[in-house]
Amino acid sequence: MKNIYAKLTIFFCLILSSCLKENIPLSNVREDYHGDNLRIDGLYHQITPDGYIVNVRFYYRNGVQFIMSFSEEITDPADLIYILTKENIISERNRKSNWGIFKVNENDFFSEHWETPIHGNYVATITMTGEILSDTCYIITKTVHSKIGVFEGRGKWYFYPYSPKPDSTNTFIK
């Protein structure tokens, strides 16, 4: 009897896994960034309404962005050094949702990355558009989730000098 249940379980798992959607590609193509409208010699961080830094983004000349999120209660960008350890960066580099592309056209900002996976599959992308306020600050005015729809902005992002940046080598962006 146990053998029948095991076979049925495997059968249903195979059926369910075949119904999952394929990993989708980004809808935009990576382009090199040659401008100076946005400094890329460090990182950008976002501050929540509670005053915490929960996201950082690194931008590279090859048009790639590397994103890290964390739950520690950091309020001072100088304290990011305790989170951005070599071990944490190596661990985060292996997640497809931490990679994406960005583009700058004069004062317009654009980025796209994969959403955190559902059941191991990347079934949606997130694009953000906004305005560059200075070479060290930009604001996101619109966020589009490819499956859910359009949302208002996601706040201001501030530059912080950081070196050495992790390199942009990854297996997800061509």
Protein backbone atom coordinates (compact mmCIF):
# COMPACT_ATOMS: atom_id res chain seq x y z
CA MET A 1 0.00 0.00 0.00
CA LYS A 2 2.87 2.38 0.84
CA ASN A 3 4.33 1.73 -2.61
CA ILE A 4 1.12 2.93 -4.31
CA TYR A 5 1.10 6.17 -2.27
CA ALA A 6 4.74 6.77 -3.12
CA LYS A 7 4.06 6.25 -6.82
CA LEU A 8 1.00 8.52 -6.72
CA THR A 9 2.98 11.22 -4.91
CA ILE A 10 5.77 11.09 -7.49
CA PHE A 11 3.19 11.12 -10.31
CA PHE A 12 1.43 14.24 -8.95
CA CYS A 13 4.76 15.99 -8.33
CA LEU A 14 5.73 15.38 -11.94
CA ILE A 15 2.40 16.71 -13.19
CA LEU A 16 2.60 19.82 -10.99
CA SER A 17 6.20 20.55 -11.93
CA SER A 18 5.35 20.33 -15.63
CA CYS A 19 2.66 23.00 -15.12
CA LEU A 20 5.08 25.56 -13.70
CA LYS A 21 5.94 28.45 -15.95
CA GLU A 22 9.36 28.73 -17.50
CA ASN A 23 11.91 31.21 -16.26
CA ILE A 24 11.30 34.40 -18.22
CA PRO A 25 14.00 36.65 -19.64
CA LEU A 26 14.36 40.35 -18.98
CA SER A 27 12.43 42.34 -21.57
CA ASN A 28 15.25 44.84 -22.15
CA VAL A 29 18.76 44.38 -23.43
CA ARG A 30 21.84 45.31 -21.43
CA GLU A 31 23.68 48.38 -22.73
CA ASP A 32 26.96 49.86 -21.55
CA TYR A 33 26.68 53.01 -19.44
CA HIS A 34 29.02 55.75 -20.69
CA GLY A 35 27.52 58.73 -18.89
CA ASP A 36 28.36 60.68 -15.79
CA ASN A 37 24.80 61.65 -14.79
CA LEU A 38 24.93 58.99 -12.07
CA ARG A 39 28.00 58.11 -10.04
CA ILE A 40 28.74 54.41 -10.07
CA ASP A 41 31.94 54.31 -8.00
CA GLY A 42 30.10 53.13 -4.90
CA LEU A 43 26.63 51.94 -3.99
CA TYR A 44 23.13 53.34 -3.72
CA HIS A 45 20.94 52.72 -0.70
CA GLN A 46 17.29 53.27 0.03
CA ILE A 47 15.96 54.41 3.40
CA THR A 48 12.58 53.12 4.62
CA PRO A 49 10.04 55.43 6.30
CA ASP A 50 11.28 53.95 9.60
CA GLY A 51 14.79 55.23 8.81
CA TYR A 52 16.39 51.87 8.01
CA ILE A 53 18.56 50.95 5.05
CA VAL A 54 17.23 47.67 3.66
CA ASN A 55 18.45 47.65 0.05
CA VAL A 56 21.67 48.47 -1.74
CA ARG A 57 22.41 48.52 -5.44
CA PHE A 58 25.71 48.50 -7.26
CA TYR A 59 25.82 49.84 -10.82
CA TYR A 60 28.49 49.00 -13.39
CA ARG A 61 29.75 50.49 -16.65
CA ASN A 62 28.52 47.40 -18.52
CA GLY A 63 24.89 48.28 -17.64
CA VAL A 64 24.52 45.57 -15.01
CA GLN A 65 23.13 46.12 -11.52
CA PHE A 66 23.71 43.94 -8.45
CA ILE A 67 21.06 44.20 -5.72
CA MET A 68 21.30 43.17 -2.09
CA SER A 69 18.51 43.29 0.50
CA PHE A 70 18.78 42.59 4.20
CA SER A 71 16.75 42.76 7.38
CA GLU A 72 19.32 44.17 9.81
CA GLU A 73 18.39 47.48 11.40
CA ILE A 74 21.00 49.75 9.82
CA THR A 75 20.50 53.50 9.84
CA ASP A 76 24.01 54.70 8.96
CA PRO A 77 25.46 53.86 5.52
CA ALA A 78 28.91 53.53 7.14
CA ASP A 79 27.58 50.44 8.97
CA LEU A 80 26.95 48.67 5.65
CA ILE A 81 30.54 47.48 5.82
CA TYR A 82 29.42 44.97 8.48
CA ILE A 83 26.79 43.51 6.15
CA LEU A 84 28.68 43.68 2.87
CA THR A 85 31.17 41.03 3.86
CA LYS A 86 32.85 38.87 1.27
CA GLU A 87 30.83 35.87 2.48
CA ASN A 88 27.47 37.69 2.20
CA ILE A 89 28.31 39.04 -1.24
CA ILE A 90 29.37 35.60 -2.51
CA SER A 91 26.13 34.11 -1.19
CA GLU A 92 23.96 36.84 -2.76
CA ARG A 93 25.72 36.63 -6.14
CA ASN A 94 24.16 33.21 -6.74
CA ARG A 95 20.58 34.53 -6.71
CA LYS A 96 19.20 35.51 -10.08
CA SER A 97 16.80 38.01 -8.47
CA ASN A 98 19.83 40.02 -7.26
CA TRP A 99 20.87 40.82 -10.83
CA GLY A 100 19.41 43.10 -13.46
CA ILE A 101 20.15 45.89 -15.88
CA PHE A 102 19.94 49.67 -15.67
CA LYS A 103 19.93 52.51 -18.17
CA VAL A 104 20.36 56.25 -17.90
CA ASN A 105 19.19 58.66 -20.58
CA GLU A 106 20.00 62.22 -19.55
CA ASN A 107 17.97 62.56 -16.31
CA ASP A 108 15.78 59.50 -16.86
CA PHE A 109 16.56 56.35 -14.90
CA PHE A 110 15.44 52.81 -15.77
CA SER A 111 16.14 49.43 -14.19
CA GLU A 112 14.83 45.90 -14.59
CA HIS A 113 15.43 42.77 -12.54
CA TRP A 114 13.83 39.44 -11.81
CA GLU A 115 11.37 39.04 -8.99
CA THR A 116 12.25 36.68 -6.17
CA PRO A 117 11.38 33.19 -7.46
CA ILE A 118 8.15 31.33 -6.88
CA HIS A 119 8.71 27.58 -6.56
CA GLY A 120 12.20 28.05 -8.01
CA ASN A 121 11.00 29.75 -11.20
CA TYR A 122 11.43 33.40 -12.14
CA VAL A 123 8.00 34.15 -13.56
CA ALA A 124 7.99 37.94 -13.32
CA THR A 125 10.22 40.95 -13.74
CA ILE A 126 10.18 44.30 -12.02
CA THR A 127 10.96 47.50 -13.90
CA MET A 128 11.46 50.82 -12.22
CA THR A 129 11.60 54.22 -13.86
CA GLY A 130 12.44 57.50 -12.33
CA GLU A 131 14.36 60.73 -12.42
CA ILE A 132 17.97 61.52 -11.59
CA LEU A 133 18.01 64.43 -9.17
CA SER A 134 21.82 64.72 -9.00
CA ASP A 135 24.79 62.49 -9.73
CA THR A 136 24.34 61.03 -6.20
CA CYS A 137 20.55 60.73 -5.89
CA TYR A 138 17.64 59.46 -7.94
CA ILE A 139 13.97 58.90 -7.28
CA ILE A 140 11.78 56.06 -8.54
CA THR A 141 8.45 57.37 -9.78
CA LYS A 142 6.92 54.20 -11.23
CA THR A 143 7.33 50.48 -10.63
CA VAL A 144 5.89 47.87 -12.98
CA HIS A 145 5.53 44.24 -11.94
CA SER A 146 5.14 42.19 -15.11
CA LYS A 147 2.33 40.06 -13.62
CA ILE A 148 0.61 42.36 -11.11
CA GLY A 149 0.73 45.78 -12.73
CA VAL A 150 1.82 49.37 -12.11
CA PHE A 151 2.63 50.91 -8.74
CA GLU A 152 3.72 54.35 -7.68
CA GLY A 153 7.38 55.00 -6.97
CA ARG A 154 9.61 53.23 -4.53
CA GLY A 155 11.43 56.16 -2.96
CA LYS A 156 14.75 57.91 -3.15
CA TRP A 157 18.09 56.22 -3.57
CA TYR A 158 21.26 57.84 -2.23
CA PHE A 159 24.88 57.35 -3.25
CA TYR A 160 27.47 56.20 -0.76
CA PRO A 161 31.15 55.76 -1.67
CA TYR A 162 32.08 52.11 -1.32
CA SER A 163 35.19 50.27 -2.39
CA PRO A 164 35.96 47.69 -3.45
CA LYS A 165 32.67 46.97 -5.21
CA PRO A 166 31.90 43.35 -5.98
CA ASP A 167 32.51 42.72 -9.66
CA SER A 168 29.66 42.41 -12.13
CA THR A 169 30.51 38.94 -13.37
CA ASN A 170 27.42 36.73 -13.28
CA THR A 171 25.75 33.95 -15.24
CA PHE A 172 22.36 35.63 -15.58
CA ILE A 173 22.94 38.79 -17.66
CA LYS A 174 24.44 38.51 -21.14
